[in-house]
Amino acid sequence: MAAPKIFDMLLLTIVTYTVVVTMNVPTTEAIWCLARGDVTDDALQRGLDYACNNGADCAAIQPGGRCFYPDTIISHANYAYDTYWKSHNRDLNACSFGGTGTIEIIGPDPSTPTCTFPPSSL
């Protein structure tokens, strides 16, 4: 009988000693309706106006509101889009805003130190 080739022995060793490692990693993922970062400020403003006139909680993003800062169109749109979407039972169609909104499944919470986005669990 011929001696096994080195490659055959190596393959046998790899197959024989394969170990599967699994990790239990805690997750903080949630679903958010956020403004797309690749659209114009004018398009975001139209979406923001729509959200604020149709059920979003926009008092928080008015001057003096807890979510006014950072005072950027995308930050305000993020908050308005998300509150509008949640007020419409997380319907996927309620996060369009003329193509400027998107559903995001992300780990980092988009909240800021002064503005909390209530999470929508997966």
Protein backbone atom coordinates (compact mmCIF):
# COMPACT_ATOMS: atom_id res chain seq x y z
CA MET A 1 0.00 0.00 0.00
CA ALA A 2 1.35 3.43 -0.93
CA ALA A 3 2.00 5.99 1.77
CA PRO A 4 -0.58 8.81 1.91
CA LYS A 5 0.45 12.00 0.20
CA ILE A 6 1.19 15.00 2.42
CA PHE A 7 -1.75 16.94 0.91
CA ASP A 8 -4.16 14.08 1.72
CA MET A 9 -2.92 13.99 5.32
CA LEU A 10 -3.24 17.78 5.64
CA LEU A 11 -6.78 17.73 4.26
CA LEU A 12 -7.71 14.91 6.65
CA THR A 13 -6.28 16.91 9.56
CA ILE A 14 -8.19 20.05 8.59
CA VAL A 15 -11.48 18.18 8.20
CA THR A 16 -10.97 16.21 11.39
CA TYR A 17 -10.23 19.24 13.56
CA THR A 18 -12.66 21.81 12.23
CA VAL A 19 -14.10 23.85 15.07
CA VAL A 20 -17.16 26.02 14.73
CA VAL A 21 -17.14 29.09 16.95
CA THR A 22 -20.36 30.97 17.59
CA MET A 23 -20.70 34.19 19.48
CA ASN A 24 -23.65 35.67 21.26
CA VAL A 25 -23.34 39.39 20.60
CA PRO A 26 -25.92 41.69 22.15
CA THR A 27 -27.61 43.91 19.61
CA THR A 28 -29.17 47.31 19.84
CA GLU A 29 -30.46 47.30 16.30
CA ALA A 30 -33.70 49.01 15.55
CA ILE A 31 -35.56 50.26 12.52
CA TRP A 32 -35.69 53.94 11.66
CA CYS A 33 -37.15 56.03 8.85
CA LEU A 34 -34.42 58.52 8.01
CA ALA A 35 -33.66 61.08 5.34
CA ARG A 36 -31.32 59.98 2.57
CA GLY A 37 -28.01 61.78 2.65
CA ASP A 38 -27.65 61.88 -1.13
CA VAL A 39 -30.53 64.23 -1.95
CA THR A 40 -30.71 68.01 -2.16
CA ASP A 41 -31.67 70.23 0.73
CA ASP A 42 -34.63 71.47 -1.34
CA ALA A 43 -35.93 67.91 -1.72
CA LEU A 44 -35.44 67.30 2.01
CA GLN A 45 -37.29 70.52 2.81
CA ARG A 46 -40.27 69.38 0.71
CA GLY A 47 -40.30 66.05 2.56
CA LEU A 48 -39.92 67.78 5.90
CA ASP A 49 -42.81 70.16 5.12
CA TYR A 50 -44.99 67.21 4.09
CA ALA A 51 -44.17 65.26 7.27
CA CYS A 52 -44.78 68.26 9.53
CA ASN A 53 -48.12 69.05 7.88
CA ASN A 54 -49.33 65.44 8.05
CA GLY A 55 -48.73 64.02 11.49
CA ALA A 56 -45.04 64.23 12.38
CA ASP A 57 -44.11 65.64 15.80
CA CYS A 58 -42.37 68.76 14.51
CA ALA A 59 -42.69 70.83 17.69
CA ALA A 60 -39.48 69.17 18.86
CA ILE A 61 -37.50 70.53 15.87
CA GLN A 62 -38.70 74.12 16.17
CA PRO A 63 -36.39 76.77 17.73
CA GLY A 64 -36.28 76.06 21.45
CA GLY A 65 -37.45 72.46 20.94
CA ARG A 66 -35.49 69.56 22.38
CA CYS A 67 -34.52 68.36 18.88
CA PHE A 68 -33.74 71.71 17.26
CA TYR A 69 -29.98 71.07 17.51
CA PRO A 70 -28.17 70.19 15.44
CA ASP A 71 -29.88 72.84 13.34
CA THR A 72 -29.48 71.13 9.96
CA ILE A 73 -32.06 70.22 7.37
CA ILE A 74 -31.07 66.54 7.43
CA SER A 75 -31.23 66.34 11.22
CA HIS A 76 -34.68 67.92 11.27
CA ALA A 77 -35.83 65.73 8.37
CA ASN A 78 -34.57 62.61 10.17
CA TYR A 79 -36.64 63.41 13.22
CA ALA A 80 -39.75 64.43 11.28
CA TYR A 81 -39.58 61.46 8.90
CA ASP A 82 -39.19 59.00 11.77
CA THR A 83 -42.03 60.42 13.85
CA TYR A 84 -44.31 60.61 10.80
CA TRP A 85 -43.51 56.99 9.87
CA LYS A 86 -44.18 55.79 13.41
CA SER A 87 -47.46 57.71 13.53
CA HIS A 88 -48.47 55.79 10.40
CA ASN A 89 -47.90 52.35 11.93
CA ARG A 90 -44.46 51.87 10.36
CA ASP A 91 -46.01 51.40 6.93
CA LEU A 92 -43.16 51.14 4.42
CA ASN A 93 -44.99 53.53 2.09
CA ALA A 94 -45.02 56.14 4.85
CA CYS A 95 -41.24 56.53 4.60
CA SER A 96 -40.98 57.64 0.99
CA PHE A 97 -41.20 61.44 1.12
CA GLY A 98 -40.78 61.75 -2.63
CA GLY A 99 -37.82 59.38 -2.62
CA THR A 100 -35.92 61.25 0.09
CA GLY A 101 -36.71 58.84 2.94
CA THR A 102 -35.31 55.39 3.55
CA ILE A 103 -35.84 52.59 6.06
CA GLU A 104 -32.62 51.92 7.91
CA ILE A 105 -31.74 48.98 10.10
CA ILE A 106 -28.81 50.29 12.05
CA GLY A 107 -27.01 49.68 15.30
CA PRO A 108 -26.21 53.25 16.28
CA ASP A 109 -29.21 55.17 17.50
CA PRO A 110 -29.65 58.42 15.51
CA SER A 111 -30.59 60.21 18.73
CA THR A 112 -28.48 63.08 20.03
CA PRO A 113 -27.82 63.93 23.69
CA THR A 114 -30.85 66.23 23.70
CA CYS A 115 -33.10 64.48 21.18
CA THR A 116 -34.28 60.90 21.61
CA PHE A 117 -35.60 58.86 18.70
CA PRO A 118 -37.82 56.16 20.20
CA PRO A 119 -36.66 52.85 18.67
CA SER A 120 -38.82 50.55 16.61
CA SER A 121 -37.68 47.02 17.35
CA LEU A 122 -36.87 44.56 14.62
